[in-house]
Amino acid sequence: MQFSWDRAKERANLARHGVDFTTAQQAFADPKFIVLFDQAHSTSQELRWWLLGRVGSRILHVRYTHRPGGVIRLIGAGYWRNSATYYEIYWKDQEAQD
């Protein structure tokens, strides 16, 4: 996968949420990642997505969009309790269905 991001946005994200975008890329390597459509922040020109994925022992919430050529443009990332709860409940429910 190829990633891109705005360096100033990354610095702001690191200051606000404690996550740099190099770390955010790691969430995409989680074989159990979950992707959700971000309807509230999408427009007709740009669809935005959330990815919930494990990085180390924690669940990281990554906000991103797709760019031409298969590039994933990172917008923001952070560790939020509700994202981790959603991830854990989702996979618990999936396992119960198997």
C-alpha atoms as a PDB file:
ATOM      1  CA  MET A   1       0.000   0.000   0.000  1.00  0.00           C
ATOM      2  CA  GLN A   2       1.098   3.513  -0.712  1.00  0.00           C
ATOM      3  CA  PHE A   3       0.304   6.281   1.789  1.00  0.00           C
ATOM      4  CA  SER A   4       0.468  10.067   1.695  1.00  0.00           C
ATOM      5  CA  TRP A   5      -0.331  12.856   4.129  1.00  0.00           C
ATOM      6  CA  ASP A   6       0.117  16.516   4.843  1.00  0.00           C
ATOM      7  CA  ARG A   7       3.124  17.025   7.136  1.00  0.00           C
ATOM      8  CA  ALA A   8       1.505  19.938   8.980  1.00  0.00           C
ATOM      9  CA  LYS A   9      -1.609  17.811   9.575  1.00  0.00           C
ATOM     10  CA  GLU A  10       0.589  15.025  10.932  1.00  0.00           C
ATOM     11  CA  ARG A  11       2.310  17.418  13.372  1.00  0.00           C
ATOM     12  CA  ALA A  12      -1.081  18.695  14.535  1.00  0.00           C
ATOM     13  CA  ASN A  13      -2.366  15.135  14.945  1.00  0.00           C
ATOM     14  CA  LEU A  14       0.718  14.138  16.923  1.00  0.00           C
ATOM     15  CA  ALA A  15       0.323  17.137  19.241  1.00  0.00           C
ATOM     16  CA  ARG A  16      -3.409  16.602  19.715  1.00  0.00           C
ATOM     17  CA  HIS A  17      -3.729  12.802  19.734  1.00  0.00           C
ATOM     18  CA  GLY A  18      -0.186  11.504  20.267  1.00  0.00           C
ATOM     19  CA  VAL A  19      -0.109   9.540  17.007  1.00  0.00           C
ATOM     20  CA  ASP A  20       2.142  10.141  13.996  1.00  0.00           C
ATOM     21  CA  PHE A  21       1.031   8.933  10.581  1.00  0.00           C
ATOM     22  CA  THR A  22       3.839   6.383  10.244  1.00  0.00           C
ATOM     23  CA  THR A  23       2.272   4.640  13.255  1.00  0.00           C
ATOM     24  CA  ALA A  24      -1.194   5.091  11.730  1.00  0.00           C
ATOM     25  CA  GLN A  25      -0.108   3.093   8.661  1.00  0.00           C
ATOM     26  CA  GLN A  26       0.432   0.066  10.900  1.00  0.00           C
ATOM     27  CA  ALA A  27      -3.324  -0.259  11.545  1.00  0.00           C
ATOM     28  CA  PHE A  28      -3.772  -1.266   7.892  1.00  0.00           C
ATOM     29  CA  ALA A  29      -1.598  -4.347   8.536  1.00  0.00           C
ATOM     30  CA  ASP A  30      -4.050  -5.769  11.086  1.00  0.00           C
ATOM     31  CA  PRO A  31      -5.671  -8.764   9.358  1.00  0.00           C
ATOM     32  CA  LYS A  32      -8.841  -8.029  11.352  1.00  0.00           C
ATOM     33  CA  PHE A  33      -9.095  -4.319  10.569  1.00  0.00           C
ATOM     34  CA  ILE A  34     -12.605  -2.884  10.202  1.00  0.00           C
ATOM     35  CA  VAL A  35     -13.502  -0.201   7.633  1.00  0.00           C
ATOM     36  CA  LEU A  36     -16.490   2.109   8.131  1.00  0.00           C
ATOM     37  CA  PHE A  37     -17.836   4.845   5.866  1.00  0.00           C
ATOM     38  CA  ASP A  38     -17.527   8.349   7.348  1.00  0.00           C
ATOM     39  CA  GLN A  39     -20.751   9.843   6.050  1.00  0.00           C
ATOM     40  CA  ALA A  40     -20.519  12.948   8.234  1.00  0.00           C
ATOM     41  CA  HIS A  41     -17.231  14.093   6.666  1.00  0.00           C
ATOM     42  CA  SER A  42     -17.625  12.769   3.112  1.00  0.00           C
ATOM     43  CA  THR A  43     -18.582  14.970   0.183  1.00  0.00           C
ATOM     44  CA  SER A  44     -19.481  14.233  -3.421  1.00  0.00           C
ATOM     45  CA  GLN A  45     -15.856  15.082  -4.314  1.00  0.00           C
ATOM     46  CA  GLU A  46     -14.193  13.088  -1.508  1.00  0.00           C
ATOM     47  CA  LEU A  47     -15.397   9.973   0.278  1.00  0.00           C
ATOM     48  CA  ARG A  48     -13.871   9.504   3.713  1.00  0.00           C
ATOM     49  CA  TRP A  49     -13.402   6.321   5.685  1.00  0.00           C
ATOM     50  CA  TRP A  50     -12.515   5.116   9.173  1.00  0.00           C
ATOM     51  CA  LEU A  51     -10.272   2.141   9.756  1.00  0.00           C
ATOM     52  CA  LEU A  52     -10.072   0.455  13.152  1.00  0.00           C
ATOM     53  CA  GLY A  53      -6.985  -1.697  13.475  1.00  0.00           C
ATOM     54  CA  ARG A  54      -4.720  -3.121  16.141  1.00  0.00           C
ATOM     55  CA  VAL A  55      -1.337  -1.494  16.590  1.00  0.00           C
ATOM     56  CA  GLY A  56       0.559  -3.283  19.328  1.00  0.00           C
ATOM     57  CA  SER A  57      -1.882  -3.893  22.148  1.00  0.00           C
ATOM     58  CA  ARG A  58      -4.260  -1.037  21.291  1.00  0.00           C
ATOM     59  CA  ILE A  59      -6.918  -0.298  18.661  1.00  0.00           C
ATOM     60  CA  LEU A  60      -6.146   2.719  16.485  1.00  0.00           C
ATOM     61  CA  HIS A  61      -8.867   4.721  14.714  1.00  0.00           C
ATOM     62  CA  VAL A  62      -7.541   6.085  11.401  1.00  0.00           C
ATOM     63  CA  ARG A  63      -9.407   8.584   9.219  1.00  0.00           C
ATOM     64  CA  TYR A  64      -8.478   8.489   5.530  1.00  0.00           C
ATOM     65  CA  THR A  65      -9.537   8.878   1.912  1.00  0.00           C
ATOM     66  CA  HIS A  66      -8.467   7.331  -1.384  1.00  0.00           C
ATOM     67  CA  ARG A  67      -6.435   9.212  -3.990  1.00  0.00           C
ATOM     68  CA  PRO A  68      -5.785   8.328  -7.635  1.00  0.00           C
ATOM     69  CA  GLY A  69      -3.316   5.539  -8.234  1.00  0.00           C
ATOM     70  CA  GLY A  70      -4.376   3.577  -5.159  1.00  0.00           C
ATOM     71  CA  VAL A  71      -2.824   6.034  -2.714  1.00  0.00           C
ATOM     72  CA  ILE A  72      -4.309   6.169   0.780  1.00  0.00           C
ATOM     73  CA  ARG A  73      -4.348   9.745   2.083  1.00  0.00           C
ATOM     74  CA  LEU A  74      -4.207   9.807   5.893  1.00  0.00           C
ATOM     75  CA  ILE A  75      -6.270  12.545   7.526  1.00  0.00           C
ATOM     76  CA  GLY A  76      -6.096  11.773  11.246  1.00  0.00           C
ATOM     77  CA  ALA A  77      -5.594   9.039  13.825  1.00  0.00           C
ATOM     78  CA  GLY A  78      -6.050   8.450  17.507  1.00  0.00           C
ATOM     79  CA  TYR A  79      -6.724   5.925  20.204  1.00  0.00           C
ATOM     80  CA  TRP A  80     -10.340   6.292  21.332  1.00  0.00           C
ATOM     81  CA  ARG A  81     -12.087   4.038  23.809  1.00  0.00           C
ATOM     82  CA  ASN A  82     -15.305   3.843  21.777  1.00  0.00           C
ATOM     83  CA  SER A  83     -13.363   2.652  18.703  1.00  0.00           C
ATOM     84  CA  ALA A  84     -11.669  -0.077  20.725  1.00  0.00           C
ATOM     85  CA  THR A  85     -15.007  -1.111  22.222  1.00  0.00           C
ATOM     86  CA  TYR A  86     -16.615  -1.287  18.769  1.00  0.00           C
ATOM     87  CA  TYR A  87     -13.698  -3.370  17.430  1.00  0.00           C
ATOM     88  CA  GLU A  88     -13.807  -5.834  20.327  1.00  0.00           C
ATOM     89  CA  ILE A  89     -17.611  -6.240  20.219  1.00  0.00           C
ATOM     90  CA  TYR A  90     -17.587  -6.657  16.443  1.00  0.00           C
ATOM     91  CA  TRP A  91     -15.028  -9.470  16.545  1.00  0.00           C
ATOM     92  CA  LYS A  92     -16.652 -11.127  19.550  1.00  0.00           C
ATOM     93  CA  ASP A  93     -19.965 -11.195  17.629  1.00  0.00           C
ATOM     94  CA  GLN A  94     -18.228 -12.551  14.520  1.00  0.00           C
ATOM     95  CA  GLU A  95     -16.625 -15.366  16.497  1.00  0.00           C
ATOM     96  CA  ALA A  96     -19.967 -16.208  18.136  1.00  0.00           C
ATOM     97  CA  GLN A  97     -21.526 -16.616  14.672  1.00  0.00           C
ATOM     98  CA  ASP A  98     -18.852 -19.109  13.543  1.00  0.00           C
END
